Amino acid sequence: MSIIDPATVRYCLAQGMTQTELAREYGVTRQYIHKLAKQAGHEPLRTIVTENFPWPIKPEFSQNNLYQVLRVIGTFNLDPEAISDNTLRRVRAVLRKLRNFNTVIDCDPGYPAVPGLVNTAGFAYVPRAESDENFIVKIKPETRITPIGRKLWRMPEGVPGMN
């Protein structure tokens, strides 16, 4: 018989504990905690963001700073408490660029890196169009916006420090 059950795992994760912390506390592997969390129906925020990302992303673009901040904004739009203050500072900087320069973020392998703005190829700030509505990503035919994505990829509200 297990010393921890799926319901306990789900409860602890909902209270803010990490899978690693739970594994240490109960003397089991993180993978075992992950299995129990899945059995309990827990869906990590990171998984939700990944599954609802507006474009398919090749591994070579995973280190792009705009890709990474988009993932953080998506996470913030699901659970503002899940973002650290340090990470929130980077998010605010990108959101200010989007707002002040009336731009959105677009993904295209042809976009070059721009020193001081975008660290690797694949993503760029582009002018906002009316069709982009209140999204932070470029809305074009190949952009996939799922029902959950409609929440994830909008300009977040209530970001601390944004005026």
N, C-alpha and C. Protein backbone atom coordinates (compact mmCIF):
# COMPACT_ATOMS: atom_id res chain seq x y z
N MET A 1 0.84 -1.19 0.00
CA MET A 1 0.00 0.00 0.00
C MET A 1 0.88 1.25 0.00
N SER A 2 0.53 2.22 -0.83
CA SER A 2 1.31 3.44 -0.96
C SER A 2 1.12 4.33 0.26
N ILE A 3 2.15 5.08 0.59
CA ILE A 3 2.06 5.99 1.72
C ILE A 3 1.43 7.32 1.33
N ILE A 4 1.22 7.53 0.04
CA ILE A 4 0.57 8.74 -0.45
C ILE A 4 -0.37 8.35 -1.58
N ASP A 5 -1.53 8.96 -1.61
CA ASP A 5 -2.51 8.60 -2.63
C ASP A 5 -2.72 9.77 -3.60
N PRO A 6 -3.38 9.51 -4.74
CA PRO A 6 -3.59 10.56 -5.74
C PRO A 6 -4.30 11.80 -5.20
N ALA A 7 -5.29 11.60 -4.34
CA ALA A 7 -6.04 12.75 -3.81
C ALA A 7 -5.14 13.65 -2.97
N THR A 8 -4.26 13.04 -2.18
CA THR A 8 -3.33 13.82 -1.36
C THR A 8 -2.36 14.60 -2.25
N VAL A 9 -1.87 13.94 -3.30
CA VAL A 9 -0.96 14.61 -4.24
C VAL A 9 -1.65 15.81 -4.86
N ARG A 10 -2.87 15.62 -5.34
CA ARG A 10 -3.59 16.73 -5.97
C ARG A 10 -3.79 17.88 -4.99
N TYR A 11 -4.18 17.56 -3.75
CA TYR A 11 -4.39 18.58 -2.74
C TYR A 11 -3.10 19.36 -2.47
N CYS A 12 -2.00 18.64 -2.29
CA CYS A 12 -0.73 19.30 -1.99
C CYS A 12 -0.25 20.17 -3.15
N LEU A 13 -0.43 19.68 -4.37
CA LEU A 13 -0.05 20.49 -5.54
C LEU A 13 -0.91 21.74 -5.63
N ALA A 14 -2.19 21.61 -5.32
CA ALA A 14 -3.09 22.77 -5.34
C ALA A 14 -2.71 23.79 -4.27
N GLN A 15 -2.07 23.33 -3.20
CA GLN A 15 -1.63 24.22 -2.12
C GLN A 15 -0.29 24.88 -2.42
N GLY A 16 0.32 24.50 -3.57
CA GLY A 16 1.55 25.16 -3.97
C GLY A 16 2.82 24.34 -3.83
N MET A 17 2.70 23.13 -3.33
CA MET A 17 3.90 22.28 -3.24
C MET A 17 4.29 21.82 -4.64
N THR A 18 5.56 21.56 -4.83
CA THR A 18 6.01 21.02 -6.11
C THR A 18 6.06 19.50 -6.02
N GLN A 19 6.11 18.86 -7.19
CA GLN A 19 6.21 17.40 -7.22
C GLN A 19 7.51 16.95 -6.55
N THR A 20 8.57 17.70 -6.75
CA THR A 20 9.86 17.36 -6.14
C THR A 20 9.78 17.43 -4.62
N GLU A 21 9.14 18.48 -4.10
CA GLU A 21 8.99 18.61 -2.64
C GLU A 21 8.18 17.45 -2.07
N LEU A 22 7.11 17.09 -2.76
CA LEU A 22 6.29 15.96 -2.30
C LEU A 22 7.09 14.66 -2.30
N ALA A 23 7.85 14.45 -3.36
CA ALA A 23 8.65 13.22 -3.46
C ALA A 23 9.64 13.13 -2.30
N ARG A 24 10.29 14.23 -1.99
CA ARG A 24 11.25 14.24 -0.87
C ARG A 24 10.55 13.96 0.45
N GLU A 25 9.41 14.63 0.65
CA GLU A 25 8.70 14.48 1.91
C GLU A 25 8.22 13.05 2.14
N TYR A 26 7.77 12.39 1.07
CA TYR A 26 7.22 11.04 1.22
C TYR A 26 8.22 9.94 0.87
N GLY A 27 9.44 10.32 0.51
CA GLY A 27 10.47 9.33 0.22
C GLY A 27 10.21 8.48 -1.01
N VAL A 28 9.62 9.10 -2.03
CA VAL A 28 9.35 8.40 -3.30
C VAL A 28 9.97 9.22 -4.43
N THR A 29 9.91 8.70 -5.64
CA THR A 29 10.47 9.43 -6.77
C THR A 29 9.51 10.51 -7.26
N ARG A 30 10.07 11.51 -7.91
CA ARG A 30 9.24 12.55 -8.51
C ARG A 30 8.34 11.95 -9.59
N GLN A 31 8.86 10.95 -10.30
CA GLN A 31 8.08 10.30 -11.35
C GLN A 31 6.84 9.62 -10.76
N TYR A 32 6.99 9.03 -9.57
CA TYR A 32 5.84 8.40 -8.92
C TYR A 32 4.80 9.45 -8.54
N ILE A 33 5.26 10.58 -8.02
CA ILE A 33 4.33 11.67 -7.69
C ILE A 33 3.63 12.16 -8.96
N HIS A 34 4.38 12.27 -10.05
CA HIS A 34 3.80 12.70 -11.33
C HIS A 34 2.70 11.73 -11.76
N LYS A 35 2.97 10.43 -11.63
CA LYS A 35 1.98 9.40 -11.99
C LYS A 35 0.71 9.55 -11.15
N LEU A 36 0.89 9.74 -9.84
CA LEU A 36 -0.27 9.92 -8.96
C LEU A 36 -1.04 11.20 -9.29
N ALA A 37 -0.30 12.26 -9.61
CA ALA A 37 -0.94 13.53 -9.97
C ALA A 37 -1.80 13.35 -11.22
N LYS A 38 -1.28 12.64 -12.21
CA LYS A 38 -2.05 12.39 -13.43
C LYS A 38 -3.30 11.56 -13.12
N GLN A 39 -3.15 10.55 -12.25
CA GLN A 39 -4.30 9.72 -11.86
C GLN A 39 -5.37 10.58 -11.20
N ALA A 40 -4.94 11.59 -10.47
CA ALA A 40 -5.88 12.47 -9.76
C ALA A 40 -6.47 13.54 -10.67
N GLY A 41 -5.99 13.60 -11.91
CA GLY A 41 -6.52 14.60 -12.84
C GLY A 41 -5.80 15.93 -12.80
N HIS A 42 -4.67 15.98 -12.12
CA HIS A 42 -3.90 17.24 -12.05
C HIS A 42 -3.20 17.48 -13.39
N GLU A 43 -3.34 18.68 -13.91
CA GLU A 43 -2.69 19.06 -15.16
C GLU A 43 -1.75 20.22 -14.86
N PRO A 44 -0.43 20.00 -14.96
CA PRO A 44 0.50 21.10 -14.68
C PRO A 44 0.28 22.28 -15.62
N LEU A 45 0.47 23.48 -15.10
CA LEU A 45 0.29 24.69 -15.91
C LEU A 45 1.18 24.66 -17.14
N ARG A 46 2.40 24.18 -16.97
CA ARG A 46 3.35 24.12 -18.09
C ARG A 46 2.79 23.26 -19.23
N THR A 47 2.14 22.15 -18.88
CA THR A 47 1.55 21.27 -19.89
C THR A 47 0.39 21.96 -20.60
N ILE A 48 -0.44 22.64 -19.84
CA ILE A 48 -1.58 23.35 -20.44
C ILE A 48 -1.08 24.40 -21.42
N VAL A 49 -0.07 25.15 -21.03
CA VAL A 49 0.49 26.19 -21.91
C VAL A 49 1.08 25.55 -23.17
N THR A 50 1.85 24.49 -23.00
CA THR A 50 2.48 23.82 -24.15
C THR A 50 1.44 23.28 -25.12
N GLU A 51 0.41 22.62 -24.59
CA GLU A 51 -0.60 22.01 -25.46
C GLU A 51 -1.46 23.04 -26.18
N ASN A 52 -1.48 24.26 -25.68
CA ASN A 52 -2.31 25.30 -26.29
C ASN A 52 -1.49 26.41 -26.94
N PHE A 53 -0.20 26.14 -27.17
CA PHE A 53 0.66 27.15 -27.80
C PHE A 53 0.16 27.41 -29.22
N PRO A 54 0.18 28.67 -29.66
CA PRO A 54 -0.44 29.01 -30.95
C PRO A 54 0.28 28.49 -32.19
N TRP A 55 1.54 28.06 -32.05
CA TRP A 55 2.29 27.57 -33.21
C TRP A 55 3.06 26.32 -32.81
N PRO A 56 3.32 25.42 -33.77
CA PRO A 56 4.24 24.32 -33.46
C PRO A 56 5.66 24.90 -33.37
N ILE A 57 6.39 24.52 -32.34
CA ILE A 57 7.72 25.09 -32.11
C ILE A 57 8.78 24.00 -32.26
N LYS A 58 9.75 24.27 -33.12
CA LYS A 58 10.87 23.34 -33.30
C LYS A 58 11.84 23.53 -32.13
N PRO A 59 12.53 22.45 -31.74
CA PRO A 59 13.44 22.54 -30.59
C PRO A 59 14.48 23.66 -30.69
N GLU A 60 14.92 23.99 -31.89
CA GLU A 60 15.96 25.03 -32.00
C GLU A 60 15.45 26.42 -31.61
N PHE A 61 14.13 26.60 -31.49
CA PHE A 61 13.58 27.89 -31.10
C PHE A 61 13.22 27.95 -29.61
N SER A 62 13.44 26.85 -28.89
CA SER A 62 12.99 26.79 -27.50
C SER A 62 13.77 27.72 -26.57
N GLN A 63 14.94 28.19 -26.98
CA GLN A 63 15.71 29.11 -26.14
C GLN A 63 15.45 30.57 -26.49
N ASN A 64 14.56 30.82 -27.43
CA ASN A 64 14.25 32.19 -27.83
C ASN A 64 13.59 32.92 -26.67
N ASN A 65 14.06 34.13 -26.37
CA ASN A 65 13.53 34.85 -25.21
C ASN A 65 12.05 35.21 -25.38
N LEU A 66 11.58 35.49 -26.60
CA LEU A 66 10.16 35.80 -26.77
C LEU A 66 9.31 34.54 -26.60
N TYR A 67 9.79 33.41 -27.05
CA TYR A 67 9.09 32.14 -26.83
C TYR A 67 8.95 31.89 -25.33
N GLN A 68 10.05 32.06 -24.61
CA GLN A 68 10.02 31.80 -23.18
C GLN A 68 9.10 32.75 -22.43
N VAL A 69 9.11 34.03 -22.80
CA VAL A 69 8.24 34.98 -22.11
C VAL A 69 6.78 34.75 -22.48
N LEU A 70 6.50 34.30 -23.70
CA LEU A 70 5.12 33.95 -24.07
C LEU A 70 4.60 32.83 -23.17
N ARG A 71 5.44 31.83 -22.94
CA ARG A 71 5.05 30.73 -22.06
C ARG A 71 4.75 31.25 -20.64
N VAL A 72 5.56 32.18 -20.18
CA VAL A 72 5.35 32.74 -18.84
C VAL A 72 4.05 33.55 -18.81
N ILE A 73 3.79 34.34 -19.85
CA ILE A 73 2.55 35.12 -19.90
C ILE A 73 1.34 34.18 -19.91
N GLY A 74 1.43 33.10 -20.67
CA GLY A 74 0.35 32.11 -20.67
C GLY A 74 0.13 31.53 -19.29
N THR A 75 1.22 31.23 -18.60
CA THR A 75 1.11 30.71 -17.23
C THR A 75 0.50 31.76 -16.31
N PHE A 76 0.93 33.01 -16.45
CA PHE A 76 0.37 34.10 -15.64
C PHE A 76 -1.13 34.21 -15.86
N ASN A 77 -1.57 34.10 -17.11
CA ASN A 77 -3.00 34.22 -17.41
C ASN A 77 -3.81 33.07 -16.82
N LEU A 78 -3.16 31.95 -16.53
CA LEU A 78 -3.84 30.84 -15.85
C LEU A 78 -3.80 31.01 -14.34
N ASP A 79 -2.63 31.39 -13.82
CA ASP A 79 -2.44 31.50 -12.37
C ASP A 79 -1.37 32.54 -12.06
N PRO A 80 -1.78 33.78 -11.79
CA PRO A 80 -0.80 34.85 -11.53
C PRO A 80 0.15 34.54 -10.37
N GLU A 81 -0.29 33.73 -9.43
CA GLU A 81 0.55 33.41 -8.27
C GLU A 81 1.69 32.46 -8.62
N ALA A 82 1.64 31.85 -9.80
CA ALA A 82 2.66 30.86 -10.19
C ALA A 82 3.93 31.50 -10.72
N ILE A 83 3.96 32.83 -10.82
CA ILE A 83 5.09 33.54 -11.42
C ILE A 83 5.86 34.28 -10.34
N SER A 84 7.18 34.10 -10.33
CA SER A 84 8.02 34.78 -9.33
C SER A 84 8.13 36.27 -9.68
N ASP A 85 8.50 37.06 -8.68
CA ASP A 85 8.66 38.50 -8.90
C ASP A 85 9.74 38.80 -9.93
N ASN A 86 10.83 38.05 -9.90
CA ASN A 86 11.92 38.26 -10.85
C ASN A 86 11.45 37.99 -12.28
N THR A 87 10.71 36.92 -12.48
CA THR A 87 10.19 36.58 -13.80
C THR A 87 9.16 37.61 -14.24
N LEU A 88 8.37 38.08 -13.29
CA LEU A 88 7.35 39.08 -13.60
C LEU A 88 7.97 40.37 -14.13
N ARG A 89 9.16 40.69 -13.68
CA ARG A 89 9.86 41.88 -14.16
C ARG A 89 10.13 41.77 -15.67
N ARG A 90 10.58 40.60 -16.12
CA ARG A 90 10.81 40.38 -17.56
C ARG A 90 9.51 40.44 -18.34
N VAL A 91 8.45 39.89 -17.77
CA VAL A 91 7.14 39.91 -18.43
C VAL A 91 6.67 41.34 -18.61
N ARG A 92 6.80 42.16 -17.57
CA ARG A 92 6.38 43.57 -17.66
C ARG A 92 7.13 44.29 -18.77
N ALA A 93 8.42 44.01 -18.92
CA ALA A 93 9.21 44.67 -19.97
C ALA A 93 8.65 44.34 -21.36
N VAL A 94 8.32 43.09 -21.58
CA VAL A 94 7.76 42.69 -22.89
C VAL A 94 6.36 43.27 -23.07
N LEU A 95 5.54 43.22 -22.04
CA LEU A 95 4.18 43.76 -22.16
C LEU A 95 4.20 45.26 -22.45
N ARG A 96 5.16 45.98 -21.86
CA ARG A 96 5.28 47.42 -22.15
C ARG A 96 5.63 47.65 -23.62
N LYS A 97 6.54 46.83 -24.16
CA LYS A 97 6.89 46.95 -25.59
C LYS A 97 5.66 46.70 -26.45
N LEU A 98 4.90 45.68 -26.11
CA LEU A 98 3.70 45.37 -26.89
C LEU A 98 2.71 46.54 -26.84
N ARG A 99 2.53 47.09 -25.66
CA ARG A 99 1.56 48.19 -25.49
C ARG A 99 2.09 49.50 -26.08
N ASN A 100 3.30 49.88 -25.73
CA ASN A 100 3.83 51.19 -26.14
C ASN A 100 4.10 51.30 -27.63
N PHE A 101 4.46 50.19 -28.26
CA PHE A 101 4.77 50.23 -29.69
C PHE A 101 3.68 49.61 -30.55
N ASN A 102 2.53 49.27 -29.89
CA ASN A 102 1.38 48.71 -30.59
C ASN A 102 1.79 47.51 -31.46
N THR A 103 2.45 46.55 -30.81
CA THR A 103 2.95 45.36 -31.50
C THR A 103 2.38 44.09 -30.88
N VAL A 104 2.59 42.98 -31.58
CA VAL A 104 2.29 41.65 -31.09
C VAL A 104 3.52 40.78 -31.38
N ILE A 105 3.53 39.57 -30.86
CA ILE A 105 4.63 38.65 -31.10
C ILE A 105 4.21 37.66 -32.18
N ASP A 106 5.10 37.46 -33.15
CA ASP A 106 4.83 36.52 -34.23
C ASP A 106 5.94 35.48 -34.28
N CYS A 107 5.60 34.32 -34.81
CA CYS A 107 6.54 33.22 -34.95
C CYS A 107 6.69 32.89 -36.42
N ASP A 108 7.92 32.89 -36.89
CA ASP A 108 8.24 32.51 -38.27
C ASP A 108 9.73 32.18 -38.29
N PRO A 109 10.10 31.00 -38.79
CA PRO A 109 11.51 30.63 -38.82
C PRO A 109 12.39 31.64 -39.58
N GLY A 110 11.79 32.44 -40.44
CA GLY A 110 12.56 33.41 -41.22
C GLY A 110 12.94 34.67 -40.47
N TYR A 111 12.34 34.90 -39.30
CA TYR A 111 12.70 36.10 -38.53
C TYR A 111 14.11 35.95 -37.97
N PRO A 112 14.98 36.94 -38.19
CA PRO A 112 16.34 36.85 -37.66
C PRO A 112 16.39 37.27 -36.19
N ALA A 113 17.48 36.91 -35.54
CA ALA A 113 17.74 37.42 -34.20
C ALA A 113 18.02 38.92 -34.32
N VAL A 114 17.63 39.68 -33.31
CA VAL A 114 17.90 41.12 -33.28
C VAL A 114 18.63 41.40 -31.97
N PRO A 115 19.94 41.63 -32.03
CA PRO A 115 20.70 41.85 -30.80
C PRO A 115 20.06 42.91 -29.90
N GLY A 116 19.95 42.57 -28.63
CA GLY A 116 19.36 43.49 -27.67
C GLY A 116 17.84 43.43 -27.61
N LEU A 117 17.22 42.69 -28.53
CA LEU A 117 15.75 42.62 -28.56
C LEU A 117 15.26 41.17 -28.57
N VAL A 118 15.76 40.39 -29.50
CA VAL A 118 15.38 38.98 -29.62
C VAL A 118 16.67 38.17 -29.79
N ASN A 119 16.92 37.26 -28.86
CA ASN A 119 18.23 36.59 -28.81
C ASN A 119 18.48 35.55 -29.90
N THR A 120 17.45 34.92 -30.43
CA THR A 120 17.63 33.92 -31.49
C THR A 120 16.57 34.14 -32.57
N ALA A 121 16.76 33.49 -33.68
CA ALA A 121 15.79 33.59 -34.79
C ALA A 121 14.47 32.93 -34.41
N GLY A 122 13.43 33.25 -35.20
CA GLY A 122 12.16 32.54 -35.08
C GLY A 122 11.00 33.34 -34.53
N PHE A 123 11.26 34.37 -33.76
CA PHE A 123 10.19 35.19 -33.18
C PHE A 123 10.53 36.66 -33.39
N ALA A 124 9.49 37.49 -33.47
CA ALA A 124 9.71 38.93 -33.65
C ALA A 124 8.51 39.71 -33.15
N TYR A 125 8.78 40.96 -32.81
CA TYR A 125 7.70 41.93 -32.57
C TYR A 125 7.26 42.42 -33.94
N VAL A 126 5.95 42.40 -34.21
CA VAL A 126 5.42 42.90 -35.49
C VAL A 126 4.27 43.85 -35.19
N PRO A 127 3.97 44.76 -36.13
CA PRO A 127 2.88 45.71 -35.89
C PRO A 127 1.54 45.00 -35.64
N ARG A 128 0.80 45.54 -34.70
CA ARG A 128 -0.53 45.01 -34.37
C ARG A 128 -1.50 45.39 -35.48
N ALA A 129 -2.36 44.44 -35.85
CA ALA A 129 -3.43 44.70 -36.81
C ALA A 129 -4.77 44.59 -36.08
N GLU A 130 -5.80 45.13 -36.67
CA GLU A 130 -7.13 45.06 -36.05
C GLU A 130 -7.54 43.61 -35.81
N SER A 131 -7.15 42.71 -36.71
CA SER A 131 -7.51 41.30 -36.58
C SER A 131 -6.84 40.63 -35.37
N ASP A 132 -5.83 41.27 -34.79
CA ASP A 132 -5.15 40.70 -33.62
C ASP A 132 -5.96 40.88 -32.34
N GLU A 133 -7.02 41.69 -32.40
CA GLU A 133 -7.89 41.95 -31.25
C GLU A 133 -7.03 42.32 -30.04
N ASN A 134 -7.30 41.68 -28.91
CA ASN A 134 -6.53 41.94 -27.69
C ASN A 134 -5.54 40.81 -27.41
N PHE A 135 -5.15 40.09 -28.46
CA PHE A 135 -4.17 39.03 -28.30
C PHE A 135 -2.77 39.62 -28.27
N ILE A 136 -1.84 38.89 -27.68
CA ILE A 136 -0.44 39.32 -27.67
C ILE A 136 0.34 38.63 -28.78
N VAL A 137 -0.32 37.72 -29.49
CA VAL A 137 0.30 37.00 -30.61
C VAL A 137 -0.37 37.41 -31.91
N LYS A 138 0.37 37.31 -33.00
CA LYS A 138 -0.14 37.67 -34.32
C LYS A 138 -1.20 36.65 -34.73
N ILE A 139 -2.37 37.15 -35.10
CA ILE A 139 -3.45 36.29 -35.56
C ILE A 139 -3.38 36.24 -37.08
N LYS A 140 -3.04 35.06 -37.59
CA LYS A 140 -2.96 34.82 -39.03
C LYS A 140 -3.51 33.41 -39.27
N PRO A 141 -3.72 33.02 -40.51
CA PRO A 141 -4.37 31.72 -40.76
C PRO A 141 -3.71 30.53 -40.05
N GLU A 142 -2.41 30.52 -39.94
CA GLU A 142 -1.74 29.38 -39.32
C GLU A 142 -1.63 29.47 -37.80
N THR A 143 -2.13 30.54 -37.20
CA THR A 143 -2.11 30.68 -35.75
C THR A 143 -3.26 29.86 -35.17
N ARG A 144 -2.93 28.98 -34.24
CA ARG A 144 -3.93 28.10 -33.63
C ARG A 144 -4.32 28.67 -32.27
N ILE A 145 -5.55 29.13 -32.16
CA ILE A 145 -6.04 29.63 -30.88
C ILE A 145 -7.13 28.67 -30.40
N THR A 146 -6.81 27.89 -29.39
CA THR A 146 -7.76 26.95 -28.81
C THR A 146 -8.69 27.71 -27.86
N PRO A 147 -9.76 27.07 -27.39
CA PRO A 147 -10.60 27.75 -26.39
C PRO A 147 -9.80 28.19 -25.16
N ILE A 148 -8.89 27.36 -24.68
CA ILE A 148 -8.05 27.76 -23.55
C ILE A 148 -7.06 28.83 -24.00
N GLY A 149 -6.57 28.71 -25.22
CA GLY A 149 -5.64 29.69 -25.77
C GLY A 149 -6.24 31.09 -25.85
N ARG A 150 -7.56 31.17 -25.97
CA ARG A 150 -8.22 32.49 -25.99
C ARG A 150 -7.96 33.24 -24.68
N LYS A 151 -7.75 32.50 -23.61
CA LYS A 151 -7.41 33.11 -22.32
C LYS A 151 -5.89 33.30 -22.19
N LEU A 152 -5.13 32.30 -22.62
CA LEU A 152 -3.68 32.33 -22.44
C LEU A 152 -2.99 33.46 -23.19
N TRP A 153 -3.42 33.71 -24.42
CA TRP A 153 -2.66 34.60 -25.32
C TRP A 153 -3.25 35.99 -25.44
N ARG A 154 -4.07 36.40 -24.48
CA ARG A 154 -4.59 37.77 -24.42
C ARG A 154 -3.66 38.63 -23.56
N MET A 155 -3.75 39.93 -23.77
CA MET A 155 -3.00 40.86 -22.92
C MET A 155 -3.49 40.65 -21.49
N PRO A 156 -2.60 40.29 -20.58
CA PRO A 156 -3.04 40.03 -19.21
C PRO A 156 -3.51 41.30 -18.51
N GLU A 157 -4.43 41.11 -17.60
CA GLU A 157 -4.93 42.22 -16.78
C GLU A 157 -4.41 42.04 -15.36
N GLY A 158 -4.24 43.14 -14.68
CA GLY A 158 -3.85 43.09 -13.27
C GLY A 158 -2.41 42.68 -13.04
N VAL A 159 -1.53 42.98 -13.99
CA VAL A 159 -0.11 42.66 -13.80
C VAL A 159 0.47 43.69 -12.84
N PRO A 160 0.99 43.25 -11.68
CA PRO A 160 1.56 44.20 -10.73
C PRO A 160 2.67 45.03 -11.37
N GLY A 161 2.61 46.35 -11.14
CA GLY A 161 3.63 47.24 -11.68
C GLY A 161 3.36 47.77 -13.07
N MET A 162 2.26 47.34 -13.69
CA MET A 162 1.88 47.86 -15.02
C MET A 162 0.86 48.98 -14.80
N ASN A 163 1.14 50.13 -15.35
CA ASN A 163 0.21 51.26 -15.18
C ASN A 163 -0.65 51.40 -16.40
